[in-house]
Amino acid sequence: MTDSAGPATQLELLAAANQRLVLTVDRLDDSVFATPSLLPDWTVGHVLAHVALNGEGLAGALNGVTSGTGTPMYASPEARDADIAELGVSAPSEIRARLLASTTLFDREVSDLPEDRWGVTVDRTPGQRAFTARSSVLMRLREVEIHHADLGVGYTAADWSPAFSTVVIDSMRKRDWATPFRVLARDLAQTWEYGDGEPVTTVTGESHELAWWLTGRGDGGRLTADRDELPEVPAW
């Protein structure tokens, strides 16, 4: 990935994020895996299962790019959901092992991918939501950091670095926004614009608060807007 400093920086952020997540999971009492997470209808175990399977799926997709087999990330949406449901209620020791292995698998496939294959497109599921091999690094980074906070076991968006918060804020500009607006990160003294047209309001807050809100999480209670209400944000 010599064409841009972005992916390299994302890999550095991912390495640190993996270490933090693994440390959190290693410290969890087994009883916590069956308790509710911050995500609706998912326990802590289900969130960790999702992160593990995401890493396995992305690693398999990258292996398909390297080998030329064109392997999709998931066989189908139904298979993805079923795998999460099954692994999410497995023994905590199995979930821990799969999570740790997934970080190693993804790192290995990233290292093995030839430089001229980073622009190759792969499918999330057969025929749907294609993405480039290069974007898999950003995808994995967001999964690890955001879902770490989703566990609800002590790690929160307030623990995110300004660098990662910036990654999230930048990446969310690619979504479809019904209302054009601007965000101002006070700690970074930087603004971003979302949606088409002249922004109708400016949302101000710390970068991690803005990043969390832009993923559709929280009520944005610590954010301020020029208008009385914050713009509507869909779930990520």
Protein backbone atom coordinates (compact mmCIF):
# COMPACT_ATOMS: atom_id res chain seq x y z
CA MET A 1 0.00 0.00 0.00
CA THR A 2 2.58 2.53 -1.10
CA ASP A 3 0.14 4.83 -2.93
CA SER A 4 -1.23 6.54 0.17
CA ALA A 5 -0.24 7.24 3.74
CA GLY A 6 -3.84 6.73 4.81
CA PRO A 7 -4.01 2.93 4.78
CA ALA A 8 -0.61 2.64 6.48
CA THR A 9 -1.77 4.94 9.25
CA GLN A 10 -4.98 2.92 9.53
CA LEU A 11 -2.93 -0.26 9.97
CA GLU A 12 -1.02 1.37 12.84
CA LEU A 13 -4.30 2.41 14.46
CA LEU A 14 -5.69 -1.09 13.94
CA ALA A 15 -2.70 -2.76 15.62
CA ALA A 16 -3.21 -0.61 18.72
CA ALA A 17 -6.99 -1.13 18.63
CA ASN A 18 -6.55 -4.90 18.46
CA GLN A 19 -4.30 -4.84 21.51
CA ARG A 20 -6.82 -2.84 23.52
CA LEU A 21 -9.73 -5.08 22.55
CA VAL A 22 -7.87 -8.30 23.31
CA LEU A 23 -6.79 -6.91 26.68
CA THR A 24 -10.40 -6.01 27.51
CA VAL A 25 -11.67 -9.44 26.51
CA ASP A 26 -8.94 -11.25 28.43
CA ARG A 27 -10.00 -9.39 31.58
CA LEU A 28 -13.71 -10.12 31.25
CA ASP A 29 -15.29 -12.53 33.67
CA ASP A 30 -16.97 -15.38 31.80
CA SER A 31 -20.36 -14.36 33.21
CA VAL A 32 -20.19 -11.02 31.36
CA PHE A 33 -20.41 -12.68 27.93
CA ALA A 34 -24.12 -13.42 28.44
CA THR A 35 -25.01 -9.91 29.62
CA PRO A 36 -26.57 -7.26 27.33
CA SER A 37 -24.28 -5.07 25.25
CA LEU A 38 -25.13 -1.56 24.09
CA LEU A 39 -26.46 -2.98 20.81
CA PRO A 40 -30.14 -4.01 20.73
CA ASP A 41 -30.73 -7.75 21.16
CA TRP A 42 -27.01 -8.58 21.29
CA THR A 43 -25.10 -9.78 24.31
CA VAL A 44 -21.43 -9.04 24.87
CA GLY A 45 -20.78 -12.49 23.41
CA HIS A 46 -22.70 -11.67 20.23
CA VAL A 47 -20.77 -8.44 19.69
CA LEU A 48 -17.46 -10.25 20.11
CA ALA A 49 -18.65 -13.05 17.83
CA HIS A 50 -19.48 -10.46 15.19
CA VAL A 51 -16.03 -8.87 15.47
CA ALA A 52 -14.36 -12.28 15.23
CA LEU A 53 -16.42 -13.36 12.22
CA ASN A 54 -15.88 -9.99 10.57
CA GLY A 55 -12.13 -10.51 10.82
CA GLU A 56 -12.42 -14.03 9.44
CA GLY A 57 -14.64 -12.84 6.60
CA LEU A 58 -12.36 -9.98 5.60
CA ALA A 59 -9.32 -12.28 5.80
CA GLY A 60 -11.06 -14.79 3.55
CA ALA A 61 -11.96 -12.07 1.06
CA LEU A 62 -8.37 -10.82 0.96
CA ASN A 63 -7.11 -14.36 0.49
CA GLY A 64 -9.49 -14.62 -2.45
CA VAL A 65 -7.97 -11.46 -3.92
CA THR A 66 -4.46 -12.85 -3.54
CA SER A 67 -5.35 -16.24 -5.01
CA GLY A 68 -7.69 -14.87 -7.66
CA THR A 69 -10.64 -16.97 -6.50
CA GLY A 70 -12.91 -13.97 -5.83
CA THR A 71 -14.14 -15.14 -2.43
CA PRO A 72 -16.97 -13.01 -0.93
CA MET A 73 -16.74 -11.84 2.65
CA TYR A 74 -19.88 -13.75 3.67
CA ALA A 75 -21.72 -16.56 1.88
CA SER A 76 -25.03 -14.75 2.43
CA PRO A 77 -26.65 -12.32 4.88
CA GLU A 78 -28.52 -15.24 6.41
CA ALA A 79 -25.34 -17.27 6.90
CA ARG A 80 -23.65 -14.26 8.51
CA ASP A 81 -26.49 -13.78 10.98
CA ALA A 82 -26.68 -17.49 11.78
CA ASP A 83 -22.94 -17.69 12.45
CA ILE A 84 -23.10 -14.73 14.83
CA ALA A 85 -26.07 -16.24 16.66
CA GLU A 86 -24.25 -19.56 17.06
CA LEU A 87 -20.83 -18.26 18.10
CA GLY A 88 -22.37 -15.60 20.32
CA VAL A 89 -23.68 -18.22 22.76
CA SER A 90 -20.60 -20.43 22.65
CA ALA A 91 -18.25 -20.87 25.57
CA PRO A 92 -16.34 -17.67 26.42
CA SER A 93 -13.08 -19.53 25.84
CA GLU A 94 -14.11 -20.28 22.25
CA ILE A 95 -15.17 -16.70 21.59
CA ARG A 96 -11.87 -15.41 22.99
CA ALA A 97 -9.90 -17.85 20.83
CA ARG A 98 -11.81 -16.97 17.66
CA LEU A 99 -11.43 -13.24 18.30
CA LEU A 100 -7.68 -13.49 18.81
CA ALA A 101 -7.29 -15.75 15.78
CA SER A 102 -9.27 -13.35 13.61
CA THR A 103 -6.84 -10.51 14.31
CA THR A 104 -3.92 -12.74 13.29
CA LEU A 105 -5.70 -13.96 10.16
CA PHE A 106 -6.51 -10.47 8.94
CA ASP A 107 -3.01 -9.15 9.64
CA ARG A 108 -1.49 -12.09 7.74
CA GLU A 109 -3.69 -11.61 4.68
CA VAL A 110 -2.95 -7.87 4.62
CA SER A 111 0.78 -8.63 4.72
CA ASP A 112 0.51 -11.27 1.98
CA LEU A 113 -1.57 -9.22 -0.46
CA PRO A 114 0.49 -8.15 -3.50
CA GLU A 115 0.85 -4.40 -3.99
CA ASP A 116 -0.89 -4.52 -7.36
CA ARG A 117 -4.00 -6.19 -5.89
CA TRP A 118 -5.13 -3.49 -3.45
CA GLY A 119 -7.52 -2.02 -5.98
CA VAL A 120 -9.30 -5.33 -6.66
CA THR A 121 -13.01 -5.33 -5.81
CA VAL A 122 -14.63 -8.07 -3.73
CA ASP A 123 -18.22 -8.71 -2.67
CA ARG A 124 -19.53 -8.47 0.87
CA THR A 125 -22.02 -11.18 -0.14
CA PRO A 126 -22.30 -12.64 -3.67
CA GLY A 127 -23.39 -9.87 -6.00
CA GLN A 128 -23.91 -7.22 -3.33
CA ARG A 129 -22.05 -4.28 -1.73
CA ALA A 130 -18.67 -4.59 -3.39
CA PHE A 131 -15.62 -2.96 -1.79
CA THR A 132 -11.94 -2.75 -2.65
CA ALA A 133 -9.26 -4.71 -0.87
CA ARG A 134 -7.76 -1.38 0.19
CA SER A 135 -10.92 -0.34 2.02
CA SER A 136 -10.86 -3.53 4.11
CA VAL A 137 -8.33 -1.91 6.45
CA LEU A 138 -10.68 0.97 7.23
CA MET A 139 -13.59 -1.45 7.56
CA ARG A 140 -11.72 -3.60 10.06
CA LEU A 141 -10.45 -0.61 12.06
CA ARG A 142 -13.96 0.75 12.50
CA GLU A 143 -15.34 -2.66 13.44
CA VAL A 144 -12.76 -3.20 16.17
CA GLU A 145 -12.90 0.25 17.75
CA ILE A 146 -16.62 0.99 17.48
CA HIS A 147 -17.74 -2.44 18.63
CA HIS A 148 -15.21 -2.35 21.47
CA ALA A 149 -17.21 0.60 22.79
CA ASP A 150 -20.48 -1.22 21.98
CA LEU A 151 -19.58 -3.91 24.51
CA GLY A 152 -20.52 -1.56 27.32
CA VAL A 153 -17.89 -2.96 29.66
CA GLY A 154 -15.92 0.22 30.39
CA TYR A 155 -14.28 1.18 27.10
CA THR A 156 -16.14 4.11 25.52
CA ALA A 157 -15.85 6.55 22.64
CA ALA A 158 -14.12 8.90 25.10
CA ASP A 159 -11.18 6.46 24.91
CA TRP A 160 -10.84 6.91 21.15
CA SER A 161 -7.83 8.81 19.93
CA PRO A 162 -8.33 12.01 17.92
CA ALA A 163 -6.77 10.15 14.99
CA PHE A 164 -9.43 7.42 15.06
CA SER A 165 -12.24 9.89 15.69
CA THR A 166 -11.06 11.74 12.59
CA VAL A 167 -11.14 8.49 10.61
CA VAL A 168 -14.77 7.94 11.61
CA ILE A 169 -15.83 11.51 10.94
CA ASP A 170 -14.14 11.43 7.52
CA SER A 171 -15.59 8.07 6.52
CA MET A 172 -19.15 8.97 7.47
CA ARG A 173 -19.19 11.66 4.77
CA LYS A 174 -19.70 8.89 2.21
CA ARG A 175 -23.14 8.02 3.57
CA ASP A 176 -26.40 9.37 2.15
CA TRP A 177 -27.59 12.26 4.28
CA ALA A 178 -31.11 13.64 3.92
CA THR A 179 -30.17 17.02 5.39
CA PRO A 180 -26.90 18.83 4.63
CA PHE A 181 -25.06 19.90 7.77
CA ARG A 182 -21.63 20.73 9.12
CA VAL A 183 -19.79 19.39 12.17
CA LEU A 184 -17.15 21.27 14.15
CA ALA A 185 -14.76 19.31 16.34
CA ARG A 186 -13.71 21.70 19.09
CA ASP A 187 -10.63 19.75 20.13
CA LEU A 188 -9.35 19.59 16.55
CA ALA A 189 -10.53 23.03 15.40
CA GLN A 190 -11.70 21.34 12.20
CA THR A 191 -14.97 21.16 10.27
CA TRP A 192 -16.57 18.64 7.91
CA GLU A 193 -19.64 18.96 5.70
CA TYR A 194 -22.22 16.24 5.03
CA GLY A 195 -24.91 15.87 2.41
CA ASP A 196 -25.52 17.88 -0.75
CA GLY A 197 -26.10 21.60 -0.67
CA GLU A 198 -25.48 24.42 1.79
CA PRO A 199 -25.36 23.17 5.40
CA VAL A 200 -28.49 24.12 7.32
CA THR A 201 -26.86 23.78 10.73
CA THR A 202 -23.51 23.26 12.44
CA VAL A 203 -23.15 20.54 15.08
CA THR A 204 -20.36 21.22 17.58
CA GLY A 205 -18.65 18.93 20.06
CA GLU A 206 -15.51 16.98 20.89
CA SER A 207 -14.30 14.75 18.05
CA HIS A 208 -15.09 11.48 19.83
CA GLU A 209 -18.60 12.70 20.66
CA LEU A 210 -19.21 13.65 17.04
CA ALA A 211 -17.83 10.34 15.79
CA TRP A 212 -20.04 8.34 18.16
CA TRP A 213 -23.13 10.33 17.16
CA LEU A 214 -22.37 10.04 13.43
CA THR A 215 -22.54 6.24 13.73
CA GLY A 216 -26.11 6.56 15.02
CA ARG A 217 -25.18 5.95 18.65
CA GLY A 218 -26.20 7.92 21.71
CA ASP A 219 -28.52 10.88 21.83
CA GLY A 220 -25.92 13.54 21.10
CA GLY A 221 -26.71 15.10 24.46
CA ARG A 222 -23.27 16.73 24.75
CA LEU A 223 -23.44 18.19 21.24
CA THR A 224 -24.83 21.59 20.31
CA ALA A 225 -26.46 22.71 17.06
CA ASP A 226 -27.39 26.04 15.52
CA ARG A 227 -30.92 24.71 15.18
CA ASP A 228 -32.96 23.37 18.07
CA GLU A 229 -32.64 19.73 16.93
CA LEU A 230 -29.70 17.68 15.71
CA PRO A 231 -29.95 16.27 12.18
CA GLU A 232 -31.28 12.71 11.97
CA VAL A 233 -28.50 10.12 11.86
CA PRO A 234 -29.20 6.57 10.64
CA ALA A 235 -27.70 3.59 12.45
CA TRP A 236 -24.32 2.39 11.16
